[in-house]
Amino acid sequence: MSLFLRDYLTVVWFGLAALVLGSLLLGIAAAVRPSRPNAEKLIAYESGVDPVGMGWSQSQVRYYVFALLFVIFDVEAVFIFPWATSMERYGWFGLITMLIFIVLLLDGLVYAWKRGLLRWV
């Protein structure tokens, strides 16, 4: 067996060991834990407050859109920082490419702003 395949075999063994150990521990926990379900334990828990009404409620979509926009612009920072640390290596091509990237993201931000998606209330 080659050294290359032996390295992968080590990873496979560790993965199998992790799966076996995890399954074993979950099985022991399921066998040892007490199971006494009753009506009070089966209701939805709402931070110590007794639940009122049904468990399903409708949320406004704008909160999810706001969170999605945050994630998008957070990922932008993840791409810009490594580029900024090695800008000399990329030269003019890297600069122009990053400017195009930033302009496209700013275009998306202006679009979201004009549509009123950045208003919290």
PDB file of N, CA and C in Angstrom:
ATOM      1  N   MET A   1       0.846  -1.175   0.000  1.00  0.00           N
ATOM      2  CA  MET A   1       0.000   0.000   0.000  1.00  0.00           C
ATOM      3  C   MET A   1       0.892   1.240   0.000  1.00  0.00           C
ATOM      4  N   SER A   2       0.525   2.195  -0.825  1.00  0.00           N
ATOM      5  CA  SER A   2       1.354   3.389  -0.938  1.00  0.00           C
ATOM      6  C   SER A   2       1.164   4.294   0.284  1.00  0.00           C
ATOM      7  N   LEU A   3       2.103   5.199   0.469  1.00  0.00           N
ATOM      8  CA  LEU A   3       2.043   6.134   1.585  1.00  0.00           C
ATOM      9  C   LEU A   3       0.841   7.065   1.448  1.00  0.00           C
ATOM     10  N   PHE A   4       0.515   7.402   0.209  1.00  0.00           N
ATOM     11  CA  PHE A   4      -0.627   8.283  -0.066  1.00  0.00           C
ATOM     12  C   PHE A   4      -1.928   7.631   0.422  1.00  0.00           C
ATOM     13  N   LEU A   5      -2.139   6.366   0.066  1.00  0.00           N
ATOM     14  CA  LEU A   5      -3.348   5.674   0.493  1.00  0.00           C
ATOM     15  C   LEU A   5      -3.344   5.395   1.993  1.00  0.00           C
ATOM     16  N   ARG A   6      -2.181   5.192   2.563  1.00  0.00           N
ATOM     17  CA  ARG A   6      -2.088   4.954   3.998  1.00  0.00           C
ATOM     18  C   ARG A   6      -2.536   6.199   4.774  1.00  0.00           C
ATOM     19  N   ASP A   7      -2.231   7.390   4.267  1.00  0.00           N
ATOM     20  CA  ASP A   7      -2.694   8.615   4.922  1.00  0.00           C
ATOM     21  C   ASP A   7      -4.215   8.703   4.907  1.00  0.00           C
ATOM     22  N   TYR A   8      -4.822   8.344   3.781  1.00  0.00           N
ATOM     23  CA  TYR A   8      -6.279   8.355   3.718  1.00  0.00           C
ATOM     24  C   TYR A   8      -6.879   7.270   4.594  1.00  0.00           C
ATOM     25  N   LEU A   9      -6.227   6.149   4.712  1.00  0.00           N
ATOM     26  CA  LEU A   9      -6.711   5.081   5.570  1.00  0.00           C
ATOM     27  C   LEU A   9      -6.718   5.530   7.031  1.00  0.00           C
ATOM     28  N   THR A  10      -5.753   6.325   7.422  1.00  0.00           N
ATOM     29  CA  THR A  10      -5.728   6.869   8.784  1.00  0.00           C
ATOM     30  C   THR A  10      -6.943   7.755   9.025  1.00  0.00           C
ATOM     31  N   VAL A  11      -7.279   8.583   8.047  1.00  0.00           N
ATOM     32  CA  VAL A  11      -8.457   9.452   8.180  1.00  0.00           C
ATOM     33  C   VAL A  11      -9.725   8.612   8.274  1.00  0.00           C
ATOM     34  N   VAL A  12      -9.820   7.560   7.468  1.00  0.00           N
ATOM     35  CA  VAL A  12     -10.993   6.688   7.499  1.00  0.00           C
ATOM     36  C   VAL A  12     -11.110   6.004   8.858  1.00  0.00           C
ATOM     37  N   TRP A  13     -10.004   5.527   9.408  1.00  0.00           N
ATOM     38  CA  TRP A  13     -10.037   4.879  10.720  1.00  0.00           C
ATOM     39  C   TRP A  13     -10.500   5.840  11.807  1.00  0.00           C
ATOM     40  N   PHE A  14     -10.004   7.065  11.781  1.00  0.00           N
ATOM     41  CA  PHE A  14     -10.431   8.049  12.773  1.00  0.00           C
ATOM     42  C   PHE A  14     -11.910   8.391  12.601  1.00  0.00           C
ATOM     43  N   GLY A  15     -12.375   8.483  11.360  1.00  0.00           N
ATOM     44  CA  GLY A  15     -13.797   8.738  11.114  1.00  0.00           C
ATOM     45  C   GLY A  15     -14.671   7.606  11.633  1.00  0.00           C
ATOM     46  N   LEU A  16     -14.260   6.380  11.368  1.00  0.00           N
ATOM     47  CA  LEU A  16     -15.013   5.230  11.875  1.00  0.00           C
ATOM     48  C   LEU A  16     -15.006   5.185  13.398  1.00  0.00           C
ATOM     49  N   ALA A  17     -13.857   5.479  13.992  1.00  0.00           N
ATOM     50  CA  ALA A  17     -13.781   5.503  15.453  1.00  0.00           C
ATOM     51  C   ALA A  17     -14.715   6.568  16.030  1.00  0.00           C
ATOM     52  N   ALA A  18     -14.790   7.717  15.386  1.00  0.00           N
ATOM     53  CA  ALA A  18     -15.678   8.779  15.855  1.00  0.00           C
ATOM     54  C   ALA A  18     -17.140   8.354  15.741  1.00  0.00           C
ATOM     55  N   LEU A  19     -17.510   7.712  14.629  1.00  0.00           N
ATOM     56  CA  LEU A  19     -18.887   7.248  14.465  1.00  0.00           C
ATOM     57  C   LEU A  19     -19.249   6.170  15.484  1.00  0.00           C
ATOM     58  N   VAL A  20     -18.349   5.228  15.705  1.00  0.00           N
ATOM     59  CA  VAL A  20     -18.615   4.161  16.667  1.00  0.00           C
ATOM     60  C   VAL A  20     -18.721   4.727  18.075  1.00  0.00           C
ATOM     61  N   LEU A  21     -17.804   5.598  18.451  1.00  0.00           N
ATOM     62  CA  LEU A  21     -17.835   6.176  19.787  1.00  0.00           C
ATOM     63  C   LEU A  21     -19.089   7.024  19.993  1.00  0.00           C
ATOM     64  N   GLY A  22     -19.441   7.837  19.003  1.00  0.00           N
ATOM     65  CA  GLY A  22     -20.650   8.652  19.109  1.00  0.00           C
ATOM     66  C   GLY A  22     -21.899   7.803  19.219  1.00  0.00           C
ATOM     67  N   SER A  23     -21.994   6.762  18.401  1.00  0.00           N
ATOM     68  CA  SER A  23     -23.152   5.869  18.462  1.00  0.00           C
ATOM     69  C   SER A  23     -23.214   5.143  19.793  1.00  0.00           C
ATOM     70  N   LEU A  24     -22.076   4.696  20.272  1.00  0.00           N
ATOM     71  CA  LEU A  24     -22.030   3.998  21.543  1.00  0.00           C
ATOM     72  C   LEU A  24     -22.479   4.897  22.689  1.00  0.00           C
ATOM     73  N   LEU A  25     -21.983   6.107  22.727  1.00  0.00           N
ATOM     74  CA  LEU A  25     -22.360   7.024  23.806  1.00  0.00           C
ATOM     75  C   LEU A  25     -23.834   7.403  23.736  1.00  0.00           C
ATOM     76  N   LEU A  26     -24.365   7.641  22.523  1.00  0.00           N
ATOM     77  CA  LEU A  26     -25.791   7.949  22.399  1.00  0.00           C
ATOM     78  C   LEU A  26     -26.652   6.756  22.799  1.00  0.00           C
ATOM     79  N   GLY A  27     -26.204   5.553  22.460  1.00  0.00           N
ATOM     80  CA  GLY A  27     -26.947   4.360  22.855  1.00  0.00           C
ATOM     81  C   GLY A  27     -26.962   4.167  24.358  1.00  0.00           C
ATOM     82  N   ILE A  28     -25.828   4.362  25.011  1.00  0.00           N
ATOM     83  CA  ILE A  28     -25.766   4.246  26.475  1.00  0.00           C
ATOM     84  C   ILE A  28     -26.659   5.299  27.126  1.00  0.00           C
ATOM     85  N   ALA A  29     -26.622   6.527  26.605  1.00  0.00           N
ATOM     86  CA  ALA A  29     -27.456   7.590  27.175  1.00  0.00           C
ATOM     87  C   ALA A  29     -28.935   7.271  27.021  1.00  0.00           C
ATOM     88  N   ALA A  30     -29.338   6.703  25.869  1.00  0.00           N
ATOM     89  CA  ALA A  30     -30.744   6.346  25.662  1.00  0.00           C
ATOM     90  C   ALA A  30     -31.169   5.210  26.584  1.00  0.00           C
ATOM     91  N   ALA A  31     -30.256   4.300  26.886  1.00  0.00           N
ATOM     92  CA  ALA A  31     -30.599   3.172  27.749  1.00  0.00           C
ATOM     93  C   ALA A  31     -30.658   3.572  29.221  1.00  0.00           C
ATOM     94  N   VAL A  32     -29.867   4.536  29.633  1.00  0.00           N
ATOM     95  CA  VAL A  32     -29.766   4.897  31.047  1.00  0.00           C
ATOM     96  C   VAL A  32     -30.780   5.958  31.457  1.00  0.00           C
ATOM     97  N   ARG A  33     -31.122   6.850  30.574  1.00  0.00           N
ATOM     98  CA  ARG A  33     -31.964   7.990  30.965  1.00  0.00           C
ATOM     99  C   ARG A  33     -33.373   7.541  31.329  1.00  0.00           C
ATOM    100  N   PRO A  34     -34.004   8.248  32.261  1.00  0.00           N
ATOM    101  CA  PRO A  34     -35.391   7.914  32.605  1.00  0.00           C
ATOM    102  C   PRO A  34     -36.345   8.457  31.541  1.00  0.00           C
ATOM    103  N   SER A  35     -37.430   7.758  31.325  1.00  0.00           N
ATOM    104  CA  SER A  35     -38.417   8.189  30.343  1.00  0.00           C
ATOM    105  C   SER A  35     -39.790   8.152  30.992  1.00  0.00           C
ATOM    106  N   ARG A  36     -40.256   9.300  31.469  1.00  0.00           N
ATOM    107  CA  ARG A  36     -41.571   9.408  32.085  1.00  0.00           C
ATOM    108  C   ARG A  36     -42.344  10.553  31.435  1.00  0.00           C
ATOM    109  N   PRO A  37     -42.848  10.375  30.222  1.00  0.00           N
ATOM    110  CA  PRO A  37     -43.564  11.470  29.556  1.00  0.00           C
ATOM    111  C   PRO A  37     -44.928  11.715  30.224  1.00  0.00           C
ATOM    112  N   ASN A  38     -45.308  12.981  30.300  1.00  0.00           N
ATOM    113  CA  ASN A  38     -46.655  13.341  30.738  1.00  0.00           C
ATOM    114  C   ASN A  38     -47.104  14.551  29.925  1.00  0.00           C
ATOM    115  N   ALA A  39     -48.333  14.971  30.118  1.00  0.00           N
ATOM    116  CA  ALA A  39     -48.905  16.044  29.296  1.00  0.00           C
ATOM    117  C   ALA A  39     -48.153  17.356  29.484  1.00  0.00           C
ATOM    118  N   GLU A  40     -47.705  17.626  30.691  1.00  0.00           N
ATOM    119  CA  GLU A  40     -47.022  18.901  30.938  1.00  0.00           C
ATOM    120  C   GLU A  40     -45.649  18.945  30.275  1.00  0.00           C
ATOM    121  N   LYS A  41     -44.984  17.810  30.175  1.00  0.00           N
ATOM    122  CA  LYS A  41     -43.674  17.776  29.526  1.00  0.00           C
ATOM    123  C   LYS A  41     -43.774  17.892  28.013  1.00  0.00           C
ATOM    124  N   LEU A  42     -44.914  17.573  27.451  1.00  0.00           N
ATOM    125  CA  LEU A  42     -45.062  17.564  26.002  1.00  0.00           C
ATOM    126  C   LEU A  42     -45.504  18.906  25.421  1.00  0.00           C
ATOM    127  N   ILE A  43     -45.813  19.900  26.264  1.00  0.00           N
ATOM    128  CA  ILE A  43     -46.203  21.203  25.727  1.00  0.00           C
ATOM    129  C   ILE A  43     -44.957  21.988  25.328  1.00  0.00           C
ATOM    130  N   ALA A  44     -45.148  22.992  24.473  1.00  0.00           N
ATOM    131  CA  ALA A  44     -44.031  23.822  24.014  1.00  0.00           C
ATOM    132  C   ALA A  44     -43.536  24.692  25.165  1.00  0.00           C
ATOM    133  N   TYR A  45     -42.214  24.785  25.304  1.00  0.00           N
ATOM    134  CA  TYR A  45     -41.616  25.586  26.370  1.00  0.00           C
ATOM    135  C   TYR A  45     -41.248  26.943  25.807  1.00  0.00           C
ATOM    136  N   GLU A  46     -41.759  27.999  26.431  1.00  0.00           N
ATOM    137  CA  GLU A  46     -41.502  29.348  25.939  1.00  0.00           C
ATOM    138  C   GLU A  46     -40.832  30.183  27.015  1.00  0.00           C
ATOM    139  N   SER A  47     -39.616  29.885  27.342  1.00  0.00           N
ATOM    140  CA  SER A  47     -38.800  30.663  28.277  1.00  0.00           C
ATOM    141  C   SER A  47     -39.467  30.824  29.639  1.00  0.00           C
ATOM    142  N   GLY A  48     -40.109  29.804  30.126  1.00  0.00           N
ATOM    143  CA  GLY A  48     -40.713  29.861  31.440  1.00  0.00           C
ATOM    144  C   GLY A  48     -42.112  30.426  31.467  1.00  0.00           C
ATOM    145  N   VAL A  49     -42.617  30.904  30.353  1.00  0.00           N
ATOM    146  CA  VAL A  49     -43.958  31.467  30.277  1.00  0.00           C
ATOM    147  C   VAL A  49     -44.901  30.390  29.765  1.00  0.00           C
ATOM    148  N   ASP A  50     -46.057  30.299  30.364  1.00  0.00           N
ATOM    149  CA  ASP A  50     -47.032  29.322  29.889  1.00  0.00           C
ATOM    150  C   ASP A  50     -47.433  29.660  28.455  1.00  0.00           C
ATOM    151  N   PRO A  51     -47.451  28.679  27.563  1.00  0.00           N
ATOM    152  CA  PRO A  51     -47.802  28.955  26.166  1.00  0.00           C
ATOM    153  C   PRO A  51     -49.259  29.397  26.037  1.00  0.00           C
ATOM    154  N   VAL A  52     -49.452  30.356  25.142  1.00  0.00           N
ATOM    155  CA  VAL A  52     -50.787  30.895  24.893  1.00  0.00           C
ATOM    156  C   VAL A  52     -51.118  30.659  23.428  1.00  0.00           C
ATOM    157  N   GLY A  53     -52.249  30.116  23.145  1.00  0.00           N
ATOM    158  CA  GLY A  53     -52.671  29.908  21.764  1.00  0.00           C
ATOM    159  C   GLY A  53     -51.979  28.716  21.136  1.00  0.00           C
ATOM    160  N   MET A  54     -51.972  28.734  19.811  1.00  0.00           N
ATOM    161  CA  MET A  54     -51.355  27.630  19.075  1.00  0.00           C
ATOM    162  C   MET A  54     -49.833  27.803  19.039  1.00  0.00           C
ATOM    163  N   GLY A  55     -49.139  26.738  18.747  1.00  0.00           N
ATOM    164  CA  GLY A  55     -47.679  26.785  18.696  1.00  0.00           C
ATOM    165  C   GLY A  55     -47.148  27.375  17.410  1.00  0.00           C
ATOM    166  N   TRP A  56     -47.993  27.616  16.422  1.00  0.00           N
ATOM    167  CA  TRP A  56     -47.546  28.134  15.132  1.00  0.00           C
ATOM    168  C   TRP A  56     -47.938  29.585  15.019  1.00  0.00           C
ATOM    169  N   SER A  57     -47.027  30.432  14.624  1.00  0.00           N
ATOM    170  CA  SER A  57     -47.343  31.837  14.385  1.00  0.00           C
ATOM    171  C   SER A  57     -46.596  32.300  13.151  1.00  0.00           C
ATOM    172  N   GLN A  58     -47.120  33.311  12.529  1.00  0.00           N
ATOM    173  CA  GLN A  58     -46.534  33.806  11.296  1.00  0.00           C
ATOM    174  C   GLN A  58     -45.527  34.914  11.603  1.00  0.00           C
ATOM    175  N   SER A  59     -44.372  34.842  10.971  1.00  0.00           N
ATOM    176  CA  SER A  59     -43.352  35.868  11.148  1.00  0.00           C
ATOM    177  C   SER A  59     -43.251  36.692   9.879  1.00  0.00           C
ATOM    178  N   GLN A  60     -42.764  37.907  10.042  1.00  0.00           N
ATOM    179  CA  GLN A  60     -42.612  38.755   8.866  1.00  0.00           C
ATOM    180  C   GLN A  60     -41.341  38.374   8.124  1.00  0.00           C
ATOM    181  N   VAL A  61     -41.410  38.415   6.822  1.00  0.00           N
ATOM    182  CA  VAL A  61     -40.304  37.987   5.981  1.00  0.00           C
ATOM    183  C   VAL A  61     -39.147  38.968   6.052  1.00  0.00           C
ATOM    184  N   ARG A  62     -39.414  40.220   6.338  1.00  0.00           N
ATOM    185  CA  ARG A  62     -38.340  41.214   6.279  1.00  0.00           C
ATOM    186  C   ARG A  62     -37.227  40.950   7.283  1.00  0.00           C
ATOM    187  N   TYR A  63     -37.538  40.282   8.395  1.00  0.00           N
ATOM    188  CA  TYR A  63     -36.486  39.964   9.352  1.00  0.00           C
ATOM    189  C   TYR A  63     -35.514  38.941   8.768  1.00  0.00           C
ATOM    190  N   TYR A  64     -36.036  37.979   8.026  1.00  0.00           N
ATOM    191  CA  TYR A  64     -35.179  36.989   7.382  1.00  0.00           C
ATOM    192  C   TYR A  64     -34.358  37.622   6.270  1.00  0.00           C
ATOM    193  N   VAL A  65     -34.966  38.541   5.522  1.00  0.00           N
ATOM    194  CA  VAL A  65     -34.243  39.237   4.456  1.00  0.00           C
ATOM    195  C   VAL A  65     -33.134  40.085   5.054  1.00  0.00           C
ATOM    196  N   PHE A  66     -33.416  40.740   6.166  1.00  0.00           N
ATOM    197  CA  PHE A  66     -32.412  41.551   6.842  1.00  0.00           C
ATOM    198  C   PHE A  66     -31.234  40.683   7.283  1.00  0.00           C
ATOM    199  N   ALA A  67     -31.524  39.514   7.853  1.00  0.00           N
ATOM    200  CA  ALA A  67     -30.468  38.595   8.280  1.00  0.00           C
ATOM    201  C   ALA A  67     -29.685  38.077   7.079  1.00  0.00           C
ATOM    202  N   LEU A  68     -30.369  37.803   5.984  1.00  0.00           N
ATOM    203  CA  LEU A  68     -29.696  37.325   4.782  1.00  0.00           C
ATOM    204  C   LEU A  68     -28.778  38.395   4.202  1.00  0.00           C
ATOM    205  N   LEU A  69     -29.229  39.641   4.211  1.00  0.00           N
ATOM    206  CA  LEU A  69     -28.367  40.731   3.748  1.00  0.00           C
ATOM    207  C   LEU A  69     -27.139  40.875   4.647  1.00  0.00           C
ATOM    208  N   PHE A  70     -27.313  40.706   5.944  1.00  0.00           N
ATOM    209  CA  PHE A  70     -26.163  40.766   6.846  1.00  0.00           C
ATOM    210  C   PHE A  70     -25.153  39.674   6.506  1.00  0.00           C
ATOM    211  N   VAL A  71     -25.645  38.468   6.267  1.00  0.00           N
ATOM    212  CA  VAL A  71     -24.744  37.361   5.940  1.00  0.00           C
ATOM    213  C   VAL A  71     -24.010  37.633   4.633  1.00  0.00           C
ATOM    214  N   ILE A  72     -24.710  38.164   3.642  1.00  0.00           N
ATOM    215  CA  ILE A  72     -24.084  38.455   2.348  1.00  0.00           C
ATOM    216  C   ILE A  72     -22.946  39.451   2.519  1.00  0.00           C
ATOM    217  N   PHE A  73     -23.189  40.534   3.253  1.00  0.00           N
ATOM    218  CA  PHE A  73     -22.149  41.539   3.400  1.00  0.00           C
ATOM    219  C   PHE A  73     -21.070  41.112   4.393  1.00  0.00           C
ATOM    220  N   ASP A  74     -21.379  40.174   5.261  1.00  0.00           N
ATOM    221  CA  ASP A  74     -20.358  39.601   6.122  1.00  0.00           C
ATOM    222  C   ASP A  74     -19.422  38.720   5.299  1.00  0.00           C
ATOM    223  N   VAL A  75     -19.970  37.972   4.364  1.00  0.00           N
ATOM    224  CA  VAL A  75     -19.152  37.146   3.472  1.00  0.00           C
ATOM    225  C   VAL A  75     -18.285  38.037   2.589  1.00  0.00           C
ATOM    226  N   GLU A  76     -18.784  39.206   2.237  1.00  0.00           N
ATOM    227  CA  GLU A  76     -17.967  40.157   1.469  1.00  0.00           C
ATOM    228  C   GLU A  76     -16.684  40.476   2.224  1.00  0.00           C
ATOM    229  N   ALA A  77     -16.797  40.704   3.507  1.00  0.00           N
ATOM    230  CA  ALA A  77     -15.608  41.006   4.304  1.00  0.00           C
ATOM    231  C   ALA A  77     -14.652  39.819   4.337  1.00  0.00           C
ATOM    232  N   VAL A  78     -15.198  38.611   4.343  1.00  0.00           N
ATOM    233  CA  VAL A  78     -14.349  37.423   4.343  1.00  0.00           C
ATOM    234  C   VAL A  78     -13.529  37.346   3.060  1.00  0.00           C
ATOM    235  N   PHE A  79     -14.082  37.793   1.949  1.00  0.00           N
ATOM    236  CA  PHE A  79     -13.351  37.774   0.691  1.00  0.00           C
ATOM    237  C   PHE A  79     -12.392  38.955   0.546  1.00  0.00           C
ATOM    238  N   ILE A  80     -12.711  40.084   1.157  1.00  0.00           N
ATOM    239  CA  ILE A  80     -11.885  41.282   0.973  1.00  0.00           C
ATOM    240  C   ILE A  80     -10.624  41.236   1.831  1.00  0.00           C
ATOM    241  N   PHE A  81     -10.685  40.742   3.048  1.00  0.00           N
ATOM    242  CA  PHE A  81      -9.511  40.754   3.921  1.00  0.00           C
ATOM    243  C   PHE A  81      -8.330  39.955   3.382  1.00  0.00           C
ATOM    244  N   PRO A  82      -8.525  38.720   2.900  1.00  0.00           N
ATOM    245  CA  PRO A  82      -7.362  38.012   2.338  1.00  0.00           C
ATOM    246  C   PRO A  82      -6.802  38.702   1.095  1.00  0.00           C
ATOM    247  N   TRP A  83      -7.685  39.299   0.301  1.00  0.00           N
ATOM    248  CA  TRP A  83      -7.224  40.028  -0.880  1.00  0.00           C
ATOM    249  C   TRP A  83      -6.375  41.219  -0.454  1.00  0.00           C
ATOM    250  N   ALA A  84      -6.805  41.926   0.587  1.00  0.00           N
ATOM    251  CA  ALA A  84      -6.077  43.114   1.024  1.00  0.00           C
ATOM    252  C   ALA A  84      -4.710  42.771   1.590  1.00  0.00           C
ATOM    253  N   THR A  85      -4.572  41.613   2.202  1.00  0.00           N
ATOM    254  CA  THR A  85      -3.285  41.255   2.786  1.00  0.00           C
ATOM    255  C   THR A  85      -2.258  40.838   1.734  1.00  0.00           C
ATOM    256  N   SER A  86      -2.714  40.414   0.573  1.00  0.00           N
ATOM    257  CA  SER A  86      -1.770  40.000  -0.481  1.00  0.00           C
ATOM    258  C   SER A  86      -2.052  40.730  -1.787  1.00  0.00           C
ATOM    259  N   MET A  87      -2.320  42.010  -1.683  1.00  0.00           N
ATOM    260  CA  MET A  87      -2.654  42.804  -2.859  1.00  0.00           C
ATOM    261  C   MET A  87      -1.479  42.909  -3.828  1.00  0.00           C
ATOM    262  N   GLU A  88      -0.262  42.935  -3.317  1.00  0.00           N
ATOM    263  CA  GLU A  88       0.907  43.073  -4.199  1.00  0.00           C
ATOM    264  C   GLU A  88       1.028  41.881  -5.146  1.00  0.00           C
ATOM    265  N   ARG A  89       0.645  40.712  -4.687  1.00  0.00           N
ATOM    266  CA  ARG A  89       0.775  39.513  -5.502  1.00  0.00           C
ATOM    267  C   ARG A  89      -0.208  39.524  -6.683  1.00  0.00           C
ATOM    268  N   TYR A  90      -1.407  40.093  -6.487  1.00  0.00           N
ATOM    269  CA  TYR A  90      -2.422  40.072  -7.530  1.00  0.00           C
ATOM    270  C   TYR A  90      -2.262  41.194  -8.544  1.00  0.00           C
ATOM    271  N   GLY A  91      -1.704  42.311  -8.114  1.00  0.00           N
ATOM    272  CA  GLY A  91      -1.449  43.409  -9.034  1.00  0.00           C
ATOM    273  C   GLY A  91      -2.725  44.090  -9.512  1.00  0.00           C
ATOM    274  N   TRP A  92      -2.632  44.645 -10.728  1.00  0.00           N
ATOM    275  CA  TRP A  92      -3.750  45.397 -11.289  1.00  0.00           C
ATOM    276  C   TRP A  92      -4.956  44.515 -11.568  1.00  0.00           C
ATOM    277  N   PHE A  93      -4.720  43.287 -12.002  1.00  0.00           N
ATOM    278  CA  PHE A  93      -5.836  42.378 -12.265  1.00  0.00           C
ATOM    279  C   PHE A  93      -6.654  42.123 -11.004  1.00  0.00           C
ATOM    280  N   GLY A  94      -5.978  41.912  -9.896  1.00  0.00           N
ATOM    281  CA  GLY A  94      -6.669  41.700  -8.629  1.00  0.00           C
ATOM    282  C   GLY A  94      -7.420  42.941  -8.173  1.00  0.00           C
ATOM    283  N   LEU A  95      -6.832  44.111  -8.390  1.00  0.00           N
ATOM    284  CA  LEU A  95      -7.484  45.357  -8.006  1.00  0.00           C
ATOM    285  C   LEU A  95      -8.764  45.566  -8.806  1.00  0.00           C
ATOM    286  N   ILE A  96      -8.688  45.377 -10.111  1.00  0.00           N
ATOM    287  CA  ILE A  96      -9.862  45.580 -10.960  1.00  0.00           C
ATOM    288  C   ILE A  96     -10.943  44.549 -10.631  1.00  0.00           C
ATOM    289  N   THR A  97     -10.535  43.318 -10.415  1.00  0.00           N
ATOM    290  CA  THR A  97     -11.504  42.275 -10.071  1.00  0.00           C
ATOM    291  C   THR A  97     -12.197  42.583  -8.749  1.00  0.00           C
ATOM    292  N   MET A  98     -11.445  43.033  -7.757  1.00  0.00           N
ATOM    293  CA  MET A  98     -12.043  43.357  -6.463  1.00  0.00           C
ATOM    294  C   MET A  98     -12.943  44.587  -6.572  1.00  0.00           C
ATOM    295  N   LEU A  99     -12.569  45.560  -7.398  1.00  0.00           N
ATOM    296  CA  LEU A  99     -13.440  46.719  -7.594  1.00  0.00           C
ATOM    297  C   LEU A  99     -14.760  46.310  -8.241  1.00  0.00           C
ATOM    298  N   ILE A 100     -14.711  45.403  -9.194  1.00  0.00           N
ATOM    299  CA  ILE A 100     -15.948  44.902  -9.811  1.00  0.00           C
ATOM    300  C   ILE A 100     -16.797  44.191  -8.760  1.00  0.00           C
ATOM    301  N   PHE A 101     -16.162  43.385  -7.921  1.00  0.00           N
ATOM    302  CA  PHE A 101     -16.857  42.671  -6.849  1.00  0.00           C
ATOM    303  C   PHE A 101     -17.539  43.649  -5.891  1.00  0.00           C
ATOM    304  N   ILE A 102     -16.819  44.693  -5.492  1.00  0.00           N
ATOM    305  CA  ILE A 102     -17.379  45.675  -4.564  1.00  0.00           C
ATOM    306  C   ILE A 102     -18.504  46.466  -5.215  1.00  0.00           C
ATOM    307  N   VAL A 103     -18.354  46.812  -6.496  1.00  0.00           N
ATOM    308  CA  VAL A 103     -19.414  47.553  -7.197  1.00  0.00           C
ATOM    309  C   VAL A 103     -20.679  46.700  -7.289  1.00  0.00           C
ATOM    310  N   LEU A 104     -20.549  45.424  -7.568  1.00  0.00           N
ATOM    311  CA  LEU A 104     -21.725  44.556  -7.627  1.00  0.00           C
ATOM    312  C   LEU A 104     -22.405  44.445  -6.263  1.00  0.00           C
ATOM    313  N   LEU A 105     -21.621  44.350  -5.204  1.00  0.00           N
ATOM    314  CA  LEU A 105     -22.214  44.287  -3.872  1.00  0.00           C
ATOM    315  C   LEU A 105     -22.869  45.613  -3.480  1.00  0.00           C
ATOM    316  N   LEU A 106     -22.243  46.714  -3.854  1.00  0.00           N
ATOM    317  CA  LEU A 106     -22.858  48.013  -3.585  1.00  0.00           C
ATOM    318  C   LEU A 106     -24.142  48.192  -4.384  1.00  0.00           C
ATOM    319  N   ASP A 107     -24.174  47.645  -5.587  1.00  0.00           N
ATOM    320  CA  ASP A 107     -25.390  47.683  -6.392  1.00  0.00           C
ATOM    321  C   ASP A 107     -26.516  46.929  -5.680  1.00  0.00           C
ATOM    322  N   GLY A 108     -26.192  45.778  -5.109  1.00  0.00           N
ATOM    323  CA  GLY A 108     -27.191  45.032  -4.343  1.00  0.00           C
ATOM    324  C   GLY A 108     -27.640  45.786  -3.100  1.00  0.00           C
ATOM    325  N   LEU A 109     -26.718  46.481  -2.448  1.00  0.00           N
ATOM    326  CA  LEU A 109     -27.069  47.268  -1.269  1.00  0.00           C
ATOM    327  C   LEU A 109     -27.988  48.430  -1.638  1.00  0.00           C
ATOM    328  N   VAL A 110     -27.686  49.118  -2.735  1.00  0.00           N
ATOM    329  CA  VAL A 110     -28.541  50.234  -3.187  1.00  0.00           C
ATOM    330  C   VAL A 110     -29.928  49.707  -3.556  1.00  0.00           C
ATOM    331  N   TYR A 111     -29.982  48.558  -4.212  1.00  0.00           N
ATOM    332  CA  TYR A 111     -31.265  47.954  -4.575  1.00  0.00           C
ATOM    333  C   TYR A 111     -32.085  47.638  -3.327  1.00  0.00           C
ATOM    334  N   ALA A 112     -31.440  47.051  -2.315  1.00  0.00           N
ATOM    335  CA  ALA A 112     -32.139  46.733  -1.076  1.00  0.00           C
ATOM    336  C   ALA A 112     -32.590  48.000  -0.362  1.00  0.00           C
ATOM    337  N   TRP A 113     -31.770  49.032  -0.403  1.00  0.00           N
ATOM    338  CA  TRP A 113     -32.114  50.293   0.244  1.00  0.00           C
ATOM    339  C   TRP A 113     -33.324  50.926  -0.438  1.00  0.00           C
ATOM    340  N   LYS A 114     -33.333  50.950  -1.776  1.00  0.00           N
ATOM    341  CA  LYS A 114     -34.450  51.543  -2.512  1.00  0.00           C
ATOM    342  C   LYS A 114     -35.746  50.773  -2.299  1.00  0.00           C
ATOM    343  N   ARG A 115     -35.658  49.459  -2.129  1.00  0.00           N
ATOM    344  CA  ARG A 115     -36.857  48.645  -1.905  1.00  0.00           C
ATOM    345  C   ARG A 115     -37.341  48.743  -0.468  1.00  0.00           C
ATOM    346  N   GLY A 116     -36.566  49.369   0.417  1.00  0.00           N
ATOM    347  CA  GLY A 116     -36.956  49.531   1.808  1.00  0.00           C
ATOM    348  C   GLY A 116     -36.696  48.298   2.654  1.00  0.00           C
ATOM    349  N   LEU A 117     -35.803  47.443   2.207  1.00  0.00           N
ATOM    350  CA  LEU A 117     -35.520  46.215   2.946  1.00  0.00           C
ATOM    351  C   LEU A 117     -34.628  46.437   4.155  1.00  0.00           C
ATOM    352  N   LEU A 118     -33.999  47.582   4.256  1.00  0.00           N
ATOM    353  CA  LEU A 118     -33.098  47.845   5.371  1.00  0.00           C
ATOM    354  C   LEU A 118     -33.799  48.507   6.552  1.00  0.00           C
ATOM    355  N   ARG A 119     -35.076  48.812   6.422  1.00  0.00           N
ATOM    356  CA  ARG A 119     -35.835  49.357   7.542  1.00  0.00           C
ATOM    357  C   ARG A 119     -36.218  48.234   8.473  1.00  0.00           C
ATOM    358  N   TRP A 120     -35.926  48.378   9.753  1.00  0.00           N
ATOM    359  CA  TRP A 120     -36.186  47.298  10.701  1.00  0.00           C
ATOM    360  C   TRP A 120     -37.661  47.243  11.076  1.00  0.00           C
ATOM    361  N   VAL A 121     -38.322  48.363  11.182  1.00  0.00           N
ATOM    362  CA  VAL A 121     -39.708  48.372  11.617  1.00  0.00           C
ATOM    363  C   VAL A 121     -40.650  48.563  10.459  1.00  0.00           C
TER     364      VAL A 121
END
